[in-house]
Amino acid sequence: MNSTGEKSLLMVQDLQIVYQHAGGVHDAVRGISFSVKRGQFIAIVGESGSGKSTIARALTGLLAENGFITGGHIFLDGLDLTLIDRKIWRNLRGKNIGFVPQDPLSGLDPLMRIGCQVREAVLSHEKTEKSRAHEKVLASLKNAGLNDPPSVFRAFPHELSGGMKQRALIAAAMINKPAILIADEPTSALDVTVQRTILAGIKKLINESESALLFITHDLGLAAERADYIIVMKDGCIVETGAAFEIWTNPRQEYTKTLIAAAPRIPSHAEITMSPQKKESFKNTPEWIMETEHVTKYYPHGKKPAIEDISIQIPKGGITAVIGGSGSGKTTLASVLLQIQRQSSGIIRYRGENINAYTGRQIGQYHQKVQAVFQNPYESLNPLFTIRKILEEPLIAFRIGGKFERRQMILDVLDQVMLSPAVLNRRTRELSGGQCQRVAIARALITRPELVICDEPVSALDVLIQSQILNLIKDLQKHFGISFLFISHNLGVVHAIADMILVMHNARIIESGLVQDIFFNPKTEYTRLLLDSIPAVGAQYEIAI
């Protein structure tokens, strides 16, 4: 077995992993085998629940307490990782094995400055002076695509955008140049330009140090563009493997073909051209559901505004998308429009009325009519509540309906988001990511809103569930006339759903227009850069499906 280990940096043989629950045992990984050689970029692709993240956790010794390896072996340079103790794991993790989790909140201490956390990764494995470690941290932050490393070093996690936090985690994982980097959805929160920069940087590190990358993703298009070799998983099993080009151009399994069909790609004119009637109505509509005039937001002690001089108009009865890089101000804009935070200056009008002049009762009516769906449903939904209580809570808060009417409204909204009433007595931890996001959408809809602001609602979901959620939003807009402001860094998602696009960069709106105009006649260099960064394998190769 050691001789095999000498040929491959990582060797996984007949690996079997189970989770033990009160209701029984769940087979999460069912006898999978693969190997990774030095210098390779291997991608594991599959939908939620396929076992991808479980493999990542097993390879880093971070399985949940109820997760157990029940069979097989994992060899790293000939060392069987299934037999080592915690002390050896602590020495390996961060030095020989780098790990980037999907959720940056799970990997960062909210009470420590970012730089101190990244520096800890150096000091725990290397005897060096703090000044030297400080220099390494700044260089690693820069290599991870963060533009102002000294400011990021001093920042706390809550002061950074989701994408910036993810880049800080990538910096911490890469700083010791590990033999293998295991990245679990490391770019799902990043815009396409930063995705390209990060993956190119990791690829360069692999080539220079003869290390390897195991890249876990739900985006087969991104994997096909960047990886050398792809492993496709479903229900804990490997269903197909092969060179990235072969998997993309000549998939053998129906499941792989389904993933390819759902992958983001460059659209054609025909795919995103509005009907003449709708295009004319958007150009000439006299009615805006929301308008802003010169809205600016500063954070305490911030030298630069988070959003600056934002003047936009959101038309009634359509889907308007806001696109831009992580840290561009998209989430701050959503927070200000929802009045979670007050703007520092400027005016926000809802149906022509200045919302800052509202009385207490009017503010309550505003929050009833303007609802939100956030990126991570596990964070935005109370984990202690049943789904029934989650949906009932806004009805009680806004004094909508009696007990019997509320019960019927809950059943109706579940039907609208295509969820079974069987979920009502469950909690969020008992649901998949896609089911939880449907619950979040149901909670937003149940107050009968006129405008729903969606902040990256599908970036953490696999492409199949992503497609379902996007179709759901389009159907809701069509049948109920709800207006949507859809915030995303994923242009593939935006082209599939939006009527109009606002482009944000460095806290400002730099361009706006109908979706086909933005995609095929961009006015700014930054917008052209975003479009050029879309994974283009679908445009380069004929897909055999």
Protein backbone atom coordinates (compact mmCIF):
# COMPACT_ATOMS: atom_id res chain seq x y z
CA MET A 1 0.00 0.00 0.00
CA ASN A 2 2.91 2.35 0.67
CA SER A 3 4.19 1.84 -2.84
CA THR A 4 0.84 3.07 -4.12
CA GLY A 5 1.10 6.03 -1.78
CA GLU A 6 4.46 6.96 -3.32
CA LYS A 7 2.84 7.29 -6.75
CA SER A 8 -0.06 9.45 -5.55
CA LEU A 9 -0.06 12.28 -3.05
CA LEU A 10 -3.55 11.27 -1.89
CA MET A 11 -5.13 7.85 -2.23
CA VAL A 12 -8.73 7.12 -1.16
CA GLN A 13 -9.68 3.44 -1.18
CA ASP A 14 -13.20 2.05 -0.72
CA LEU A 15 -14.09 4.84 1.73
CA GLN A 16 -17.35 4.40 3.64
CA ILE A 17 -18.80 7.04 5.99
CA VAL A 18 -22.04 7.01 7.99
CA TYR A 19 -23.92 9.51 10.14
CA GLN A 20 -25.74 8.22 13.19
CA HIS A 21 -29.06 9.87 14.03
CA ALA A 22 -31.81 9.14 16.51
CA GLY A 23 -33.81 7.70 13.62
CA GLY A 24 -31.03 5.35 12.48
CA VAL A 25 -27.90 5.37 10.33
CA HIS A 26 -27.40 7.31 7.10
CA ASP A 27 -24.85 6.06 4.55
CA ALA A 28 -23.26 9.32 3.40
CA VAL A 29 -20.33 7.91 1.42
CA ARG A 30 -20.59 4.42 -0.05
CA GLY A 31 -17.27 2.82 -0.92
CA ILE A 32 -15.63 5.44 -3.12
CA SER A 33 -12.05 5.30 -4.46
CA PHE A 34 -9.91 7.91 -6.21
CA SER A 35 -6.37 9.29 -6.18
CA VAL A 36 -4.74 12.70 -6.52
CA LYS A 37 -1.21 13.20 -7.85
CA ARG A 38 1.10 16.13 -7.23
CA GLY A 39 0.36 19.07 -9.51
CA GLN A 40 -3.22 17.95 -10.20
CA PHE A 41 -6.38 20.04 -9.95
CA ILE A 42 -9.18 17.55 -9.21
CA ALA A 43 -12.83 18.64 -8.91
CA ILE A 44 -15.58 16.71 -7.13
CA VAL A 45 -18.98 17.75 -8.48
CA GLY A 46 -22.51 16.86 -7.41
CA GLU A 47 -25.73 18.17 -5.92
CA SER A 48 -26.46 18.78 -2.23
CA GLY A 49 -26.44 15.54 -0.27
CA SER A 50 -24.17 13.73 -2.73
CA GLY A 51 -21.41 13.33 -0.12
CA LYS A 52 -18.96 15.97 -1.42
CA SER A 53 -18.56 17.93 1.82
CA THR A 54 -18.47 14.74 3.90
CA ILE A 55 -15.41 13.64 1.91
CA ALA A 56 -13.77 17.05 2.50
CA ARG A 57 -14.39 16.75 6.24
CA ALA A 58 -13.04 13.19 6.34
CA LEU A 59 -9.88 14.18 4.47
CA THR A 60 -9.20 16.93 7.03
CA GLY A 61 -10.20 15.01 10.16
CA LEU A 62 -13.16 17.30 10.76
CA LEU A 63 -16.14 14.94 10.53
CA ALA A 64 -19.09 15.87 12.73
CA GLU A 65 -19.39 14.07 16.07
CA ASN A 66 -22.03 11.75 14.64
CA GLY A 67 -19.98 10.97 11.53
CA PHE A 68 -17.85 7.82 11.39
CA ILE A 69 -15.53 6.17 8.87
CA THR A 70 -16.75 2.56 8.83
CA GLY A 71 -14.54 1.21 6.07
CA GLY A 72 -11.72 1.96 3.67
CA HIS A 73 -8.49 3.95 3.87
CA ILE A 74 -7.17 7.46 3.19
CA PHE A 75 -3.44 7.67 2.44
CA LEU A 76 -1.54 10.98 2.35
CA ASP A 77 2.03 10.38 1.19
CA GLY A 78 1.65 6.80 2.43
CA LEU A 79 0.29 7.77 5.87
CA ASP A 80 -3.13 6.22 6.63
CA LEU A 81 -5.22 9.12 7.91
CA THR A 82 -7.93 6.77 9.19
CA LEU A 83 -5.54 5.49 11.89
CA ILE A 84 -3.94 8.68 13.28
CA ASP A 85 -4.80 10.49 16.53
CA ARG A 86 -5.81 14.11 17.16
CA LYS A 87 -2.26 15.27 17.90
CA ILE A 88 -1.02 14.13 14.48
CA TRP A 89 -4.10 15.69 12.85
CA ARG A 90 -3.29 19.04 14.46
CA ASN A 91 0.23 18.90 13.01
CA LEU A 92 -1.00 17.93 9.54
CA ARG A 93 -3.96 20.30 9.27
CA GLY A 94 -2.87 23.74 8.09
CA LYS A 95 0.66 22.61 7.22
CA ASN A 96 0.38 19.51 5.01
CA ILE A 97 -3.38 19.77 4.43
CA GLY A 98 -5.04 23.13 3.82
CA PHE A 99 -8.81 23.45 4.15
CA VAL A 100 -11.23 26.14 2.99
CA PRO A 101 -14.83 25.65 4.20
CA GLN A 102 -17.86 26.91 2.28
CA ASP A 103 -19.26 29.03 5.11
CA PRO A 104 -16.74 31.69 6.18
CA LEU A 105 -18.62 32.25 9.44
CA SER A 106 -17.77 28.72 10.53
CA GLY A 107 -14.06 29.30 9.94
CA LEU A 108 -13.54 32.76 11.45
CA ASP A 109 -13.59 33.86 15.10
CA PRO A 110 -15.88 36.92 15.28
CA LEU A 111 -13.85 38.36 18.20
CA MET A 112 -10.44 38.26 16.48
CA ARG A 113 -9.06 40.54 13.79
CA ILE A 114 -8.66 38.90 10.41
CA GLY A 115 -4.88 39.35 10.32
CA CYS A 116 -4.41 37.75 13.72
CA GLN A 117 -6.38 34.70 12.61
CA VAL A 118 -4.36 34.28 9.42
CA ARG A 119 -1.12 34.86 11.34
CA GLU A 120 -2.12 32.13 13.79
CA ALA A 121 -1.96 29.66 10.89
CA VAL A 122 1.72 30.58 10.46
CA LEU A 123 2.76 30.69 14.13
CA SER A 124 1.11 27.36 14.98
CA HIS A 125 3.35 25.53 12.47
CA GLU A 126 6.48 27.68 12.18
CA LYS A 127 8.87 29.30 14.63
CA THR A 128 9.27 32.79 13.27
CA GLU A 129 9.22 36.40 14.43
CA LYS A 130 5.86 38.18 14.47
CA SER A 131 7.16 40.81 12.06
CA ARG A 132 8.07 38.12 9.53
CA ALA A 133 4.70 36.40 10.05
CA HIS A 134 3.00 39.78 9.58
CA GLU A 135 4.68 40.20 6.18
CA LYS A 136 3.61 36.70 5.14
CA VAL A 137 0.01 37.46 6.13
CA LEU A 138 -0.10 40.67 4.07
CA ALA A 139 1.34 38.85 1.05
CA SER A 140 -1.15 35.98 1.42
CA LEU A 141 -4.10 38.37 1.73
CA LYS A 142 -2.96 40.11 -1.44
CA ASN A 143 -2.54 36.79 -3.28
CA ALA A 144 -6.09 35.88 -2.26
CA GLY A 145 -7.42 38.91 -4.15
CA LEU A 146 -7.91 41.40 -1.29
CA ASN A 147 -7.05 44.90 -2.53
CA ASP A 148 -6.13 46.57 0.77
CA PRO A 149 -4.32 43.96 2.90
CA PRO A 150 -3.40 46.32 5.81
CA SER A 151 -7.05 47.36 6.26
CA VAL A 152 -8.26 43.76 6.02
CA PHE A 153 -5.59 42.72 8.54
CA ARG A 154 -7.06 45.14 11.11
CA ALA A 155 -10.71 44.35 10.34
CA PHE A 156 -13.03 42.08 12.28
CA PRO A 157 -15.08 39.50 10.31
CA HIS A 158 -18.32 41.48 10.62
CA GLU A 159 -16.68 44.42 8.86
CA LEU A 160 -16.05 42.42 5.67
CA SER A 161 -18.41 41.23 2.97
CA GLY A 162 -19.09 37.50 2.59
CA GLY A 163 -16.75 37.29 -0.37
CA MET A 164 -13.96 39.13 1.46
CA LYS A 165 -14.30 36.78 4.44
CA GLN A 166 -14.02 33.81 2.08
CA ARG A 167 -10.85 35.25 0.55
CA ALA A 168 -9.38 35.67 4.05
CA LEU A 169 -10.01 31.98 4.70
CA ILE A 170 -8.32 31.11 1.40
CA ALA A 171 -5.34 33.24 2.45
CA ALA A 172 -5.11 31.35 5.76
CA ALA A 173 -5.34 27.96 4.02
CA MET A 174 -2.68 28.80 1.41
CA ILE A 175 -0.18 30.65 3.60
CA ASN A 176 1.85 27.54 4.56
CA LYS A 177 1.84 26.16 1.01
CA PRO A 178 0.27 22.83 1.99
CA ALA A 179 0.90 19.63 0.03
CA ILE A 180 -2.81 19.44 -0.76
CA LEU A 181 -5.49 22.11 -0.51
CA ILE A 182 -9.02 20.84 0.03
CA ALA A 183 -11.49 23.56 -0.88
CA ASP A 184 -15.19 23.00 -0.19
CA GLU A 185 -17.15 25.42 -2.41
CA PRO A 186 -14.49 28.13 -1.87
CA THR A 187 -15.74 30.43 -4.64
CA SER A 188 -19.52 30.17 -4.31
CA ALA A 189 -19.62 33.57 -2.54
CA LEU A 190 -17.22 35.23 -4.99
CA ASP A 191 -17.86 37.13 -8.20
CA VAL A 192 -16.56 35.72 -11.47
CA THR A 193 -13.53 38.04 -11.66
CA VAL A 194 -12.35 37.07 -8.17
CA GLN A 195 -13.16 33.40 -8.89
CA ARG A 196 -10.79 33.53 -11.83
CA THR A 197 -8.08 35.32 -9.81
CA ILE A 198 -8.34 32.93 -6.85
CA LEU A 199 -8.33 29.74 -8.93
CA ALA A 200 -5.49 31.01 -11.10
CA GLY A 201 -3.52 31.81 -7.93
CA ILE A 202 -4.14 28.35 -6.49
CA LYS A 203 -3.15 26.77 -9.81
CA LYS A 204 0.09 28.76 -9.76
CA LEU A 205 0.81 27.59 -6.20
CA ILE A 206 0.22 23.98 -7.24
CA ASN A 207 2.63 24.29 -10.16
CA GLU A 208 5.33 26.00 -8.11
CA SER A 209 5.22 23.71 -5.07
CA GLU A 210 4.15 20.43 -6.70
CA SER A 211 1.13 20.34 -4.39
CA ALA A 212 -2.45 19.51 -5.39
CA LEU A 213 -6.00 20.87 -5.17
CA LEU A 214 -9.15 18.92 -4.42
CA PHE A 215 -11.88 21.37 -5.43
CA ILE A 216 -15.43 20.59 -4.31
CA THR A 217 -18.15 22.45 -6.18
CA HIS A 218 -21.70 22.27 -7.47
CA ASP A 219 -20.73 24.28 -10.57
CA LEU A 220 -19.74 21.80 -13.28
CA GLY A 221 -19.10 24.64 -15.74
CA LEU A 222 -16.48 26.17 -13.44
CA ALA A 223 -14.95 22.74 -12.77
CA ALA A 224 -14.77 21.94 -16.48
CA GLU A 225 -13.01 25.23 -17.24
CA ARG A 226 -10.44 24.99 -14.45
CA ALA A 227 -9.89 21.36 -13.35
CA ASP A 228 -7.72 18.67 -14.90
CA TYR A 229 -9.96 15.81 -13.82
CA ILE A 230 -13.57 15.61 -12.63
CA ILE A 231 -15.29 13.19 -10.24
CA VAL A 232 -19.10 13.27 -10.42
CA MET A 233 -20.97 12.13 -7.28
CA LYS A 234 -24.57 11.30 -6.49
CA ASP A 235 -26.10 9.77 -3.34
CA GLY A 236 -22.71 9.01 -1.81
CA CYS A 237 -21.35 7.19 -4.88
CA ILE A 238 -19.09 8.10 -7.78
CA VAL A 239 -21.17 7.90 -10.96
CA GLU A 240 -18.63 9.16 -13.49
CA THR A 241 -14.98 10.21 -13.71
CA GLY A 242 -12.75 11.51 -16.44
CA ALA A 243 -10.70 14.35 -17.85
CA ALA A 244 -12.53 17.68 -17.56
CA PHE A 245 -12.76 18.13 -21.32
CA GLU A 246 -14.16 14.61 -21.79
CA ILE A 247 -16.74 14.96 -19.01
CA TRP A 248 -17.97 18.28 -20.44
CA THR A 249 -18.04 17.32 -24.12
CA ASN A 250 -18.99 13.65 -23.90
CA PRO A 251 -20.80 12.83 -20.62
CA ARG A 252 -21.87 9.20 -20.33
CA GLN A 253 -24.35 9.39 -17.46
CA GLU A 254 -27.77 11.10 -17.56
CA TYR A 255 -27.06 12.70 -14.19
CA THR A 256 -23.90 14.35 -15.54
CA LYS A 257 -25.83 15.60 -18.56
CA THR A 258 -28.40 17.14 -16.20
CA LEU A 259 -25.66 18.97 -14.27
CA ILE A 260 -24.16 20.27 -17.52
CA ALA A 261 -27.54 21.54 -18.72
CA ALA A 262 -27.93 23.50 -15.47
CA ALA A 263 -24.40 24.98 -15.47
CA PRO A 264 -24.06 28.79 -15.93
CA ARG A 265 -22.91 29.74 -19.44
CA ILE A 266 -22.75 32.68 -21.80
CA PRO A 267 -26.28 33.26 -23.14
CA SER A 268 -27.28 33.96 -26.70
CA HIS A 269 -29.33 36.96 -27.81
CA ALA A 270 -32.37 34.77 -28.33
CA GLU A 271 -32.27 33.37 -24.79
CA ILE A 272 -32.56 36.74 -23.03
CA THR A 273 -34.47 38.90 -25.47
CA MET A 274 -37.71 40.26 -24.01
CA SER A 275 -40.93 40.34 -25.89
CA PRO A 276 -41.36 43.71 -27.65
CA GLN A 277 -44.34 44.51 -25.39
CA LYS A 278 -42.42 43.92 -22.16
CA LYS A 279 -39.33 45.76 -23.43
CA GLU A 280 -41.46 48.79 -24.33
CA SER A 281 -43.22 48.72 -20.96
CA PHE A 282 -39.91 48.74 -19.10
CA LYS A 283 -38.61 51.64 -21.17
CA ASN A 284 -41.73 53.75 -20.76
CA THR A 285 -43.17 52.68 -17.40
CA PRO A 286 -44.22 55.72 -15.35
CA GLU A 287 -44.54 53.70 -12.13
CA TRP A 288 -41.62 52.85 -9.88
CA ILE A 289 -42.12 50.73 -6.78
CA MET A 290 -38.97 52.20 -5.22
CA GLU A 291 -36.59 55.06 -6.01
CA THR A 292 -33.44 56.38 -4.37
CA GLU A 293 -31.79 59.77 -4.70
CA HIS A 294 -28.07 60.19 -3.88
CA VAL A 295 -28.13 57.58 -1.11
CA THR A 296 -24.83 57.18 0.74
CA LYS A 297 -23.94 54.99 3.70
CA TYR A 298 -20.86 55.30 5.93
CA TYR A 299 -20.00 52.78 8.62
CA PRO A 300 -18.62 54.04 11.95
CA HIS A 301 -14.89 54.77 11.66
CA GLY A 302 -15.04 54.05 7.94
CA LYS A 303 -13.01 56.37 5.73
CA LYS A 304 -14.79 55.33 2.54
CA PRO A 305 -18.57 54.97 2.08
CA ALA A 306 -19.98 51.44 1.76
CA ILE A 307 -22.38 52.80 -0.86
CA GLU A 308 -22.08 56.22 -2.47
CA ASP A 309 -24.47 58.49 -4.37
CA ILE A 310 -26.89 55.70 -5.29
CA SER A 311 -29.76 56.93 -7.48
CA ILE A 312 -31.84 54.07 -8.88
CA GLN A 313 -35.41 53.29 -9.94
CA ILE A 314 -36.95 49.85 -9.41
CA PRO A 315 -39.90 49.28 -11.78
CA LYS A 316 -43.10 47.75 -10.53
CA GLY A 317 -43.84 44.21 -11.68
CA GLY A 318 -40.40 43.06 -12.83
CA ILE A 319 -37.15 41.51 -11.71
CA THR A 320 -34.28 43.98 -11.39
CA ALA A 321 -30.83 42.52 -10.73
CA VAL A 322 -27.88 44.16 -8.99
CA ILE A 323 -24.55 42.66 -10.01
CA GLY A 324 -21.01 43.40 -8.95
CA GLY A 325 -17.97 42.02 -7.17
CA SER A 326 -17.87 41.03 -3.53
CA GLY A 327 -17.32 44.16 -1.45
CA SER A 328 -18.89 46.40 -4.09
CA GLY A 329 -21.73 47.42 -1.74
CA LYS A 330 -24.56 45.16 -2.93
CA THR A 331 -25.46 43.81 0.52
CA THR A 332 -25.20 47.25 2.13
CA LEU A 333 -27.59 48.57 -0.53
CA ALA A 334 -30.08 45.80 0.33
CA SER A 335 -29.72 46.52 4.04
CA VAL A 336 -30.41 50.23 3.53
CA LEU A 337 -33.41 49.64 1.25
CA LEU A 338 -34.85 47.26 3.86
CA GLN A 339 -34.07 49.86 6.53
CA ILE A 340 -32.12 47.33 8.57
CA GLN A 341 -29.61 50.17 8.51
CA ARG A 342 -30.37 53.86 7.94
CA GLN A 343 -28.59 55.66 5.15
CA SER A 344 -26.14 58.42 6.09
CA SER A 345 -27.64 60.75 3.48
CA GLY A 346 -30.01 60.74 0.54
CA ILE A 347 -33.69 59.86 0.05
CA ILE A 348 -35.48 56.52 -0.40
CA ARG A 349 -39.00 56.66 -1.82
CA TYR A 350 -41.49 53.79 -1.74
CA ARG A 351 -44.44 54.35 -4.06
CA GLY A 352 -43.42 57.99 -4.22
CA GLU A 353 -43.29 58.53 -0.43
CA ASN A 354 -40.14 59.37 1.52
CA ILE A 355 -39.80 56.44 3.93
CA ASN A 356 -37.71 58.46 6.39
CA ALA A 357 -40.78 60.61 7.04
CA TYR A 358 -42.87 57.57 8.02
CA THR A 359 -44.51 57.32 11.43
CA GLY A 360 -44.24 54.15 13.52
CA ARG A 361 -47.35 52.59 11.97
CA GLN A 362 -46.23 53.44 8.44
CA ILE A 363 -42.83 51.84 9.09
CA GLY A 364 -44.60 48.65 10.14
CA GLN A 365 -46.65 48.70 6.93
CA TYR A 366 -43.45 49.29 4.92
CA HIS A 367 -41.76 46.24 6.48
CA GLN A 368 -44.84 44.18 5.72
CA LYS A 369 -44.82 45.19 2.04
CA VAL A 370 -41.01 45.05 1.51
CA GLN A 371 -39.63 41.64 2.44
CA ALA A 372 -36.23 39.94 2.13
CA VAL A 373 -34.67 36.59 1.26
CA PHE A 374 -31.05 36.27 2.36
CA GLN A 375 -28.12 34.17 1.13
CA ASN A 376 -27.92 31.60 3.92
CA PRO A 377 -31.31 30.27 5.10
CA TYR A 378 -29.69 28.42 8.01
CA GLU A 379 -28.61 31.81 9.41
CA SER A 380 -31.74 33.80 8.56
CA LEU A 381 -34.22 31.22 9.94
CA ASN A 382 -34.46 30.53 13.68
CA PRO A 383 -33.05 27.01 14.24
CA LEU A 384 -35.09 26.58 17.43
CA PHE A 385 -38.45 27.17 15.68
CA THR A 386 -40.45 24.64 13.75
CA ILE A 387 -41.24 25.62 10.16
CA ARG A 388 -44.83 26.25 11.26
CA LYS A 389 -43.66 28.80 13.85
CA ILE A 390 -41.23 30.42 11.40
CA LEU A 391 -44.11 31.05 8.96
CA GLU A 392 -46.61 32.03 11.62
CA GLU A 393 -44.34 34.56 13.35
CA PRO A 394 -44.61 37.38 10.73
CA LEU A 395 -48.40 36.93 10.58
CA ILE A 396 -48.61 37.44 14.33
CA ALA A 397 -46.12 40.36 14.25
CA PHE A 398 -48.13 42.20 11.59
CA ARG A 399 -51.50 41.13 13.06
CA ILE A 400 -52.60 39.40 9.88
CA GLY A 401 -55.62 37.10 10.13
CA GLY A 402 -57.06 34.97 12.91
CA LYS A 403 -55.89 31.54 14.02
CA PHE A 404 -57.84 29.58 11.38
CA GLU A 405 -56.98 32.05 8.59
CA ARG A 406 -53.28 31.93 9.50
CA ARG A 407 -53.32 28.14 9.31
CA GLN A 408 -54.77 28.31 5.80
CA MET A 409 -52.31 31.04 4.74
CA ILE A 410 -49.41 28.82 5.84
CA LEU A 411 -50.73 25.90 3.79
CA ASP A 412 -51.28 28.18 0.79
CA VAL A 413 -47.76 29.63 0.88
CA LEU A 414 -46.22 26.16 1.21
CA ASP A 415 -48.11 25.18 -1.92
CA GLN A 416 -46.81 28.28 -3.71
CA VAL A 417 -43.17 27.33 -2.98
CA MET A 418 -43.85 23.63 -3.67
CA LEU A 419 -43.24 22.29 -0.15
CA SER A 420 -45.23 19.53 1.53
CA PRO A 421 -47.18 20.30 4.74
CA ALA A 422 -45.11 17.47 6.23
CA VAL A 423 -42.25 19.97 6.80
CA LEU A 424 -44.30 22.09 9.24
CA ASN A 425 -43.26 20.17 12.35
CA ARG A 426 -39.59 19.97 11.34
CA ARG A 427 -36.75 22.37 12.09
CA THR A 428 -34.25 23.82 9.63
CA ARG A 429 -31.52 21.30 10.50
CA GLU A 430 -33.85 18.55 9.27
CA LEU A 431 -34.20 20.14 5.80
CA SER A 432 -31.88 20.41 2.82
CA GLY A 433 -30.44 23.76 1.72
CA GLY A 434 -32.95 24.00 -1.12
CA GLN A 435 -35.89 23.22 1.17
CA CYS A 436 -34.68 25.82 3.68
CA GLN A 437 -34.42 28.48 0.99
CA ARG A 438 -38.00 27.66 -0.07
CA VAL A 439 -39.06 28.20 3.54
CA ALA A 440 -37.25 31.57 3.52
CA ILE A 441 -39.10 32.55 0.35
CA ALA A 442 -42.40 31.37 1.88
CA ARG A 443 -41.76 33.52 4.96
CA ALA A 444 -41.16 36.54 2.73
CA LEU A 445 -44.33 35.87 0.70
CA ILE A 446 -46.69 35.18 3.56
CA THR A 447 -47.13 38.88 4.44
CA ARG A 448 -48.30 39.47 0.83
CA PRO A 449 -45.43 41.85 -0.08
CA GLU A 450 -45.20 44.09 -3.12
CA LEU A 451 -41.39 44.03 -3.28
CA VAL A 452 -39.01 41.22 -2.29
CA ILE A 453 -35.28 41.95 -2.01
CA CYS A 454 -33.23 38.80 -2.58
CA ASP A 455 -29.60 39.02 -1.48
CA GLU A 456 -27.62 36.18 -3.13
CA PRO A 457 -30.48 33.70 -2.52
CA VAL A 458 -29.03 30.86 -4.63
CA SER A 459 -25.23 31.22 -4.41
CA ALA A 460 -24.91 28.47 -1.79
CA LEU A 461 -27.19 26.02 -3.66
CA ASP A 462 -26.23 23.39 -6.19
CA VAL A 463 -27.12 24.05 -9.83
CA LEU A 464 -30.18 21.78 -9.88
CA ILE A 465 -31.78 23.35 -6.80
CA GLN A 466 -30.61 26.76 -8.01
CA SER A 467 -32.58 26.25 -11.22
CA GLN A 468 -35.69 25.25 -9.24
CA ILE A 469 -35.48 28.36 -7.03
CA LEU A 470 -34.97 30.68 -10.02
CA ASN A 471 -37.97 29.17 -11.81
CA LEU A 472 -39.99 29.57 -8.61
CA ILE A 473 -39.11 33.29 -8.36
CA LYS A 474 -40.02 33.84 -12.02
CA ASP A 475 -43.36 32.04 -11.54
CA LEU A 476 -44.16 34.08 -8.41
CA GLN A 477 -43.39 37.32 -10.21
CA LYS A 478 -45.53 36.31 -13.17
CA HIS A 479 -48.58 35.03 -11.26
CA PHE A 480 -48.67 37.48 -8.33
CA GLY A 481 -47.13 40.60 -9.86
CA ILE A 482 -44.50 40.85 -7.10
CA SER A 483 -41.51 43.06 -7.86
CA PHE A 484 -38.08 41.60 -7.12
CA LEU A 485 -34.70 43.19 -6.52
CA PHE A 486 -32.30 40.30 -7.10
CA ILE A 487 -28.73 40.76 -5.87
CA SER A 488 -26.10 38.40 -7.25
CA HIS A 489 -22.47 38.11 -8.33
CA ASN A 490 -23.34 35.26 -10.71
CA LEU A 491 -24.02 36.56 -14.21
CA GLY A 492 -25.20 33.14 -15.35
CA VAL A 493 -27.97 33.34 -12.73
CA VAL A 494 -28.77 36.95 -13.59
CA HIS A 495 -29.25 36.30 -17.29
CA ALA A 496 -31.68 33.50 -16.43
CA ILE A 497 -33.97 35.65 -14.30
CA ALA A 498 -33.60 39.43 -14.72
CA ASP A 499 -35.40 42.02 -16.82
CA MET A 500 -33.12 44.91 -15.88
CA ILE A 501 -29.58 45.09 -14.47
CA LEU A 502 -27.76 47.57 -12.23
CA VAL A 503 -23.96 47.17 -12.16
CA MET A 504 -22.16 48.09 -8.91
CA HIS A 505 -18.46 48.73 -8.51
CA ASN A 506 -16.56 50.44 -5.68
CA ALA A 507 -19.78 51.42 -3.86
CA ARG A 508 -21.39 53.08 -6.89
CA ILE A 509 -23.86 52.18 -9.64
CA ILE A 510 -21.72 52.50 -12.77
CA GLU A 511 -24.15 51.20 -15.40
CA SER A 512 -27.79 50.19 -15.77
CA GLY A 513 -30.07 48.94 -18.51
CA LEU A 514 -32.16 46.11 -19.92
CA VAL A 515 -30.56 42.71 -19.51
CA GLN A 516 -29.80 42.18 -23.20
CA ASP A 517 -28.27 45.65 -23.47
CA ILE A 518 -25.93 45.01 -20.54
CA PHE A 519 -24.90 41.58 -21.82
CA PHE A 520 -24.40 42.50 -25.45
CA ASN A 521 -23.61 46.21 -25.38
CA PRO A 522 -21.86 46.99 -22.08
CA LYS A 523 -20.80 50.61 -21.66
CA THR A 524 -18.09 50.29 -18.98
CA GLU A 525 -14.79 48.42 -18.87
CA TYR A 526 -15.71 46.79 -15.53
CA THR A 527 -18.93 45.33 -16.96
CA ARG A 528 -16.97 43.95 -19.91
CA LEU A 529 -14.51 42.40 -17.45
CA LEU A 530 -17.36 40.70 -15.58
CA LEU A 531 -18.77 39.30 -18.80
CA ASP A 532 -15.37 38.12 -20.04
CA SER A 533 -14.84 36.24 -16.75
CA ILE A 534 -17.89 33.97 -17.10
CA PRO A 535 -16.73 30.33 -17.39
CA ALA A 536 -16.86 29.87 -21.16
CA VAL A 537 -16.52 26.13 -21.67
CA GLY A 538 -20.10 25.97 -22.88
CA ALA A 539 -19.33 28.47 -25.62
CA GLN A 540 -16.05 26.80 -26.62
CA TYR A 541 -17.13 23.19 -26.93
CA GLU A 542 -20.16 21.48 -28.35
CA ILE A 543 -21.91 19.68 -25.50
CA ALA A 544 -23.04 16.14 -26.25
CA ILE A 545 -26.37 15.95 -24.43
